[in-house]
C-alpha cells in the first residue's frame, strides 16, 4: 500500500533547495524598563498591570541572549550536516542567507 502512494519517479528525485522558515532564537522579549509593555497593544508600562518586576536578561531589550545564540549555532550545525550533500553541489554564487533581525 505504501508503495502505491509514492510516485515511481520519487526514488530518482533530487533535492535542489531547502527553504527554512523560522523565527528568532531566545531573545530578551522586553522593551526598556518603564517603557510601554507592548507597543500598539498594552500602551502602559508593566507596572500598570502587575507589581512583579522585569526578569534580568544578559542581553538588551530585543537582543538575542547568549543561550539564544548557542541554540542558533546548534540549528546551523544541524542544517549544515543534514544538507551537506546539497551544499557541496552549490557554488558560492548560488548560496544565499537572508536574516531580518526585526522580524
N, C-alpha and C. Protein backbone atom coordinates (compact mmCIF):
# COMPACT_ATOMS: atom_id res chain seq x y z
N UNK A 1 0.83 -1.19 0.00
CA UNK A 1 0.00 0.00 0.00
C UNK A 1 0.87 1.25 0.00
N UNK A 2 1.93 1.28 0.82
CA UNK A 2 2.78 2.46 0.88
C UNK A 2 3.43 2.76 -0.46
N UNK A 3 3.86 1.74 -1.18
CA UNK A 3 4.50 1.95 -2.48
C UNK A 3 3.54 2.58 -3.48
N UNK A 4 2.27 2.29 -3.35
CA UNK A 4 1.28 2.86 -4.26
C UNK A 4 1.13 4.37 -4.03
N UNK A 5 1.46 4.84 -2.84
CA UNK A 5 1.32 6.26 -2.53
C UNK A 5 2.52 7.09 -2.98
N UNK A 6 3.63 6.44 -3.31
CA UNK A 6 4.84 7.15 -3.71
C UNK A 6 5.01 7.01 -5.22
N UNK A 7 5.07 8.14 -5.94
CA UNK A 7 5.27 8.06 -7.39
C UNK A 7 6.57 7.34 -7.72
N UNK A 8 6.60 6.63 -8.83
CA UNK A 8 7.78 5.86 -9.22
C UNK A 8 9.00 6.77 -9.37
N UNK A 9 8.80 8.01 -9.85
CA UNK A 9 9.94 8.90 -10.06
C UNK A 9 10.48 9.50 -8.77
N UNK A 10 9.81 9.28 -7.65
CA UNK A 10 10.26 9.84 -6.38
C UNK A 10 11.62 9.30 -5.97
N UNK A 11 11.90 8.05 -6.29
CA UNK A 11 13.18 7.46 -5.89
C UNK A 11 14.34 8.11 -6.65
N UNK A 12 14.06 8.70 -7.80
CA UNK A 12 15.11 9.34 -8.58
C UNK A 12 15.11 10.86 -8.37
N UNK A 13 14.28 11.35 -7.46
CA UNK A 13 14.19 12.79 -7.22
C UNK A 13 15.49 13.33 -6.63
N UNK A 14 15.79 14.56 -6.94
CA UNK A 14 16.98 15.22 -6.43
C UNK A 14 16.58 16.47 -5.66
N UNK A 15 17.10 16.58 -4.47
CA UNK A 15 16.85 17.77 -3.67
C UNK A 15 17.61 18.93 -4.28
N UNK A 16 16.92 20.02 -4.60
CA UNK A 16 17.57 21.16 -5.23
C UNK A 16 17.69 22.36 -4.30
N UNK A 17 16.78 22.49 -3.36
CA UNK A 17 16.91 23.60 -2.42
C UNK A 17 16.12 23.30 -1.16
N UNK A 18 16.46 24.01 -0.11
CA UNK A 18 15.79 23.89 1.17
C UNK A 18 15.40 25.30 1.59
N UNK A 19 14.17 25.47 2.00
CA UNK A 19 13.70 26.75 2.50
C UNK A 19 13.34 26.57 3.96
N UNK A 20 13.95 27.34 4.82
CA UNK A 20 13.69 27.26 6.25
C UNK A 20 12.95 28.53 6.66
N UNK A 21 11.78 28.35 7.21
CA UNK A 21 11.00 29.47 7.72
C UNK A 21 11.04 29.35 9.24
N UNK A 22 11.63 30.34 9.87
CA UNK A 22 11.81 30.25 11.32
C UNK A 22 11.77 31.64 11.94
N UNK A 23 11.52 31.66 13.22
CA UNK A 23 11.59 32.90 13.98
C UNK A 23 12.94 32.94 14.67
N UNK A 24 13.18 34.02 15.35
CA UNK A 24 14.44 34.20 16.05
C UNK A 24 14.61 33.14 17.15
N UNK A 25 15.78 33.12 17.71
CA UNK A 25 16.05 32.25 18.85
C UNK A 25 15.55 32.91 20.12
N UNK A 26 16.20 32.62 21.20
CA UNK A 26 15.79 33.15 22.50
C UNK A 26 16.28 34.59 22.62
N UNK A 27 15.33 35.51 22.59
CA UNK A 27 15.66 36.93 22.70
C UNK A 27 15.10 37.49 24.00
N UNK A 28 15.66 38.60 24.44
CA UNK A 28 15.07 39.33 25.54
C UNK A 28 13.77 39.91 25.00
N UNK A 29 12.63 39.43 25.47
CA UNK A 29 11.35 39.83 24.87
C UNK A 29 10.86 41.19 25.34
N UNK A 30 11.56 41.79 26.28
CA UNK A 30 11.04 43.00 26.88
C UNK A 30 11.57 44.26 26.22
N UNK A 31 10.80 45.30 26.35
CA UNK A 31 11.22 46.61 25.91
C UNK A 31 11.94 47.27 27.08
N UNK A 32 12.30 48.49 26.94
CA UNK A 32 13.02 49.18 28.01
C UNK A 32 12.22 49.19 29.30
N UNK A 33 12.92 49.03 30.41
CA UNK A 33 12.27 49.05 31.72
C UNK A 33 11.56 50.39 31.88
N UNK A 34 10.29 50.33 32.28
CA UNK A 34 9.49 51.53 32.44
C UNK A 34 8.82 51.99 31.15
N UNK A 35 9.16 51.33 30.06
CA UNK A 35 8.58 51.69 28.77
C UNK A 35 7.26 50.97 28.54
N UNK A 36 6.65 51.25 27.41
CA UNK A 36 5.40 50.61 27.02
C UNK A 36 5.59 49.10 26.98
N UNK A 37 4.63 48.36 27.54
CA UNK A 37 4.76 46.91 27.61
C UNK A 37 4.77 46.27 26.22
N UNK A 38 3.79 46.62 25.39
CA UNK A 38 3.71 46.08 24.03
C UNK A 38 3.14 47.19 23.14
N UNK A 39 3.99 47.86 22.38
CA UNK A 39 3.52 48.98 21.56
C UNK A 39 2.31 48.59 20.70
N UNK A 40 1.29 49.43 20.76
CA UNK A 40 0.07 49.19 19.97
C UNK A 40 -0.90 48.24 20.63
N UNK A 41 -0.51 47.58 21.72
CA UNK A 41 -1.38 46.61 22.38
C UNK A 41 -1.57 46.99 23.85
N UNK A 42 -0.51 46.98 24.59
CA UNK A 42 -0.54 47.35 26.01
C UNK A 42 0.33 48.60 26.14
N UNK A 43 -0.31 49.74 26.09
CA UNK A 43 0.41 51.01 25.96
C UNK A 43 0.95 51.58 27.27
N UNK A 44 0.80 50.87 28.37
CA UNK A 44 1.32 51.33 29.65
C UNK A 44 2.52 50.47 30.04
N UNK A 45 3.34 50.94 30.96
CA UNK A 45 4.46 50.10 31.42
C UNK A 45 3.94 48.90 32.20
N UNK A 46 4.79 47.92 32.36
CA UNK A 46 4.40 46.69 33.06
C UNK A 46 3.86 46.98 34.46
N UNK A 47 4.38 48.00 35.12
CA UNK A 47 3.94 48.33 36.48
C UNK A 47 2.46 48.69 36.54
N UNK A 48 1.85 49.04 35.42
CA UNK A 48 0.42 49.35 35.39
C UNK A 48 -0.41 48.07 35.45
N UNK A 49 0.19 46.92 35.16
CA UNK A 49 -0.54 45.65 35.10
C UNK A 49 -0.22 44.71 36.25
N UNK A 50 0.98 44.87 36.83
CA UNK A 50 1.41 43.95 37.87
C UNK A 50 2.47 44.60 38.75
N UNK A 51 2.62 44.07 39.95
CA UNK A 51 3.67 44.55 40.84
C UNK A 51 4.98 43.80 40.62
N UNK A 52 4.94 42.78 39.80
CA UNK A 52 6.14 42.00 39.52
C UNK A 52 7.13 42.85 38.73
N UNK A 53 8.41 42.55 38.89
CA UNK A 53 9.46 43.29 38.19
C UNK A 53 9.93 42.49 36.98
N UNK A 54 10.56 43.20 36.05
CA UNK A 54 11.13 42.54 34.88
C UNK A 54 12.19 41.54 35.31
N UNK A 55 12.24 40.37 34.72
CA UNK A 55 13.38 39.48 34.96
C UNK A 55 14.65 40.12 34.39
N UNK A 56 15.78 39.73 34.89
CA UNK A 56 17.04 40.26 34.40
C UNK A 56 17.53 39.39 33.24
N UNK A 57 17.87 40.03 32.13
CA UNK A 57 18.41 39.32 30.97
C UNK A 57 19.85 39.79 30.74
N UNK A 58 20.66 38.92 30.20
CA UNK A 58 22.05 39.27 29.90
C UNK A 58 22.18 40.01 28.57
N UNK A 59 21.07 40.19 27.88
CA UNK A 59 21.06 40.91 26.61
C UNK A 59 20.09 42.08 26.72
N UNK A 60 20.33 43.09 25.92
CA UNK A 60 19.47 44.26 25.93
C UNK A 60 18.09 43.96 25.38
N UNK A 61 17.16 44.90 25.53
CA UNK A 61 15.80 44.70 25.02
C UNK A 61 15.78 44.31 23.54
N UNK A 62 15.13 43.20 23.22
CA UNK A 62 15.01 42.74 21.85
C UNK A 62 16.23 42.05 21.29
N UNK A 63 17.31 41.95 22.05
CA UNK A 63 18.54 41.32 21.57
C UNK A 63 18.57 39.83 21.88
N UNK A 64 19.31 39.11 21.07
CA UNK A 64 19.49 37.67 21.25
C UNK A 64 20.31 37.42 22.52
N UNK A 65 19.85 36.49 23.35
CA UNK A 65 20.59 36.14 24.56
C UNK A 65 21.74 35.19 24.19
N UNK A 66 22.74 35.04 25.05
CA UNK A 66 23.80 34.07 24.78
C UNK A 66 23.24 32.66 24.56
N UNK A 67 22.21 32.28 25.33
CA UNK A 67 21.58 30.97 25.14
C UNK A 67 20.93 30.89 23.76
N UNK A 68 20.28 31.97 23.35
CA UNK A 68 19.66 32.00 22.02
C UNK A 68 20.70 31.86 20.92
N UNK A 69 21.85 32.50 21.08
CA UNK A 69 22.93 32.40 20.10
C UNK A 69 23.44 30.96 20.03
N UNK A 70 23.56 30.31 21.18
CA UNK A 70 24.01 28.92 21.22
C UNK A 70 23.02 28.01 20.50
N UNK A 71 21.74 28.23 20.72
CA UNK A 71 20.72 27.42 20.04
C UNK A 71 20.75 27.61 18.53
N UNK A 72 20.96 28.84 18.08
CA UNK A 72 21.03 29.10 16.64
C UNK A 72 22.27 28.45 16.03
N UNK A 73 23.38 28.44 16.78
CA UNK A 73 24.58 27.74 16.31
C UNK A 73 24.30 26.25 16.14
N UNK A 74 23.61 25.66 17.10
CA UNK A 74 23.26 24.24 17.01
C UNK A 74 22.35 23.97 15.82
N UNK A 75 21.38 24.86 15.60
CA UNK A 75 20.48 24.71 14.46
C UNK A 75 21.25 24.81 13.14
N UNK A 76 22.17 25.78 13.07
CA UNK A 76 23.00 25.91 11.87
C UNK A 76 23.86 24.68 11.63
N UNK A 77 24.43 24.12 12.70
CA UNK A 77 25.25 22.92 12.58
C UNK A 77 24.40 21.74 12.10
N UNK A 78 23.17 21.66 12.61
CA UNK A 78 22.27 20.59 12.17
C UNK A 78 22.00 20.69 10.68
N UNK A 79 21.63 21.89 10.22
CA UNK A 79 21.33 22.07 8.80
C UNK A 79 22.57 21.82 7.93
N UNK A 80 23.73 22.24 8.40
CA UNK A 80 24.97 22.02 7.66
C UNK A 80 25.24 20.52 7.48
N UNK A 81 25.01 19.75 8.54
CA UNK A 81 25.22 18.31 8.45
C UNK A 81 24.12 17.63 7.63
N UNK A 82 22.89 18.01 7.91
CA UNK A 82 21.74 17.37 7.25
C UNK A 82 21.76 17.56 5.74
N UNK A 83 22.18 18.75 5.31
CA UNK A 83 22.14 19.08 3.88
C UNK A 83 23.54 19.25 3.29
N UNK A 84 24.52 18.52 3.83
CA UNK A 84 25.89 18.67 3.35
C UNK A 84 26.02 18.28 1.87
N UNK A 85 25.28 17.30 1.42
CA UNK A 85 25.36 16.91 0.01
C UNK A 85 24.82 18.02 -0.88
N UNK A 86 23.72 18.62 -0.47
CA UNK A 86 23.16 19.74 -1.24
C UNK A 86 24.14 20.90 -1.27
N UNK A 87 24.73 21.24 -0.13
CA UNK A 87 25.67 22.36 -0.05
C UNK A 87 26.92 22.09 -0.87
N UNK A 88 27.35 20.85 -0.94
CA UNK A 88 28.56 20.51 -1.68
C UNK A 88 28.40 20.78 -3.17
N UNK A 89 27.17 20.75 -3.66
CA UNK A 89 26.93 20.96 -5.08
C UNK A 89 26.57 22.40 -5.43
N UNK A 90 26.67 23.29 -4.47
CA UNK A 90 26.36 24.70 -4.70
C UNK A 90 27.64 25.51 -4.85
N UNK A 91 27.61 26.42 -5.79
CA UNK A 91 28.74 27.35 -5.87
C UNK A 91 28.44 28.53 -4.95
N UNK A 92 29.43 29.27 -4.61
CA UNK A 92 29.23 30.42 -3.72
C UNK A 92 28.25 31.42 -4.31
N UNK A 93 28.18 31.53 -5.61
CA UNK A 93 27.27 32.47 -6.25
C UNK A 93 25.81 32.06 -6.05
N UNK A 94 25.57 30.80 -5.77
CA UNK A 94 24.20 30.32 -5.66
C UNK A 94 23.76 30.12 -4.22
N UNK A 95 24.62 30.33 -3.28
CA UNK A 95 24.31 30.10 -1.88
C UNK A 95 23.98 31.43 -1.23
N UNK A 96 22.82 31.54 -0.59
CA UNK A 96 22.42 32.81 0.00
C UNK A 96 21.80 32.60 1.37
N UNK A 97 21.99 33.57 2.22
CA UNK A 97 21.37 33.58 3.55
C UNK A 97 20.76 34.96 3.73
N UNK A 98 19.53 35.00 4.20
CA UNK A 98 18.88 36.27 4.47
C UNK A 98 18.43 36.27 5.92
N UNK A 99 18.71 37.32 6.62
CA UNK A 99 18.29 37.43 8.00
C UNK A 99 17.73 38.82 8.25
N UNK A 100 16.60 38.89 8.89
CA UNK A 100 15.99 40.16 9.27
C UNK A 100 15.89 40.18 10.78
N UNK A 101 16.73 40.96 11.46
CA UNK A 101 16.74 40.95 12.91
C UNK A 101 15.48 41.57 13.55
N UNK A 102 14.66 42.18 12.74
CA UNK A 102 13.46 42.85 13.26
C UNK A 102 12.19 42.07 13.05
N UNK A 103 12.29 40.82 12.67
CA UNK A 103 11.06 40.05 12.46
C UNK A 103 10.97 38.89 13.42
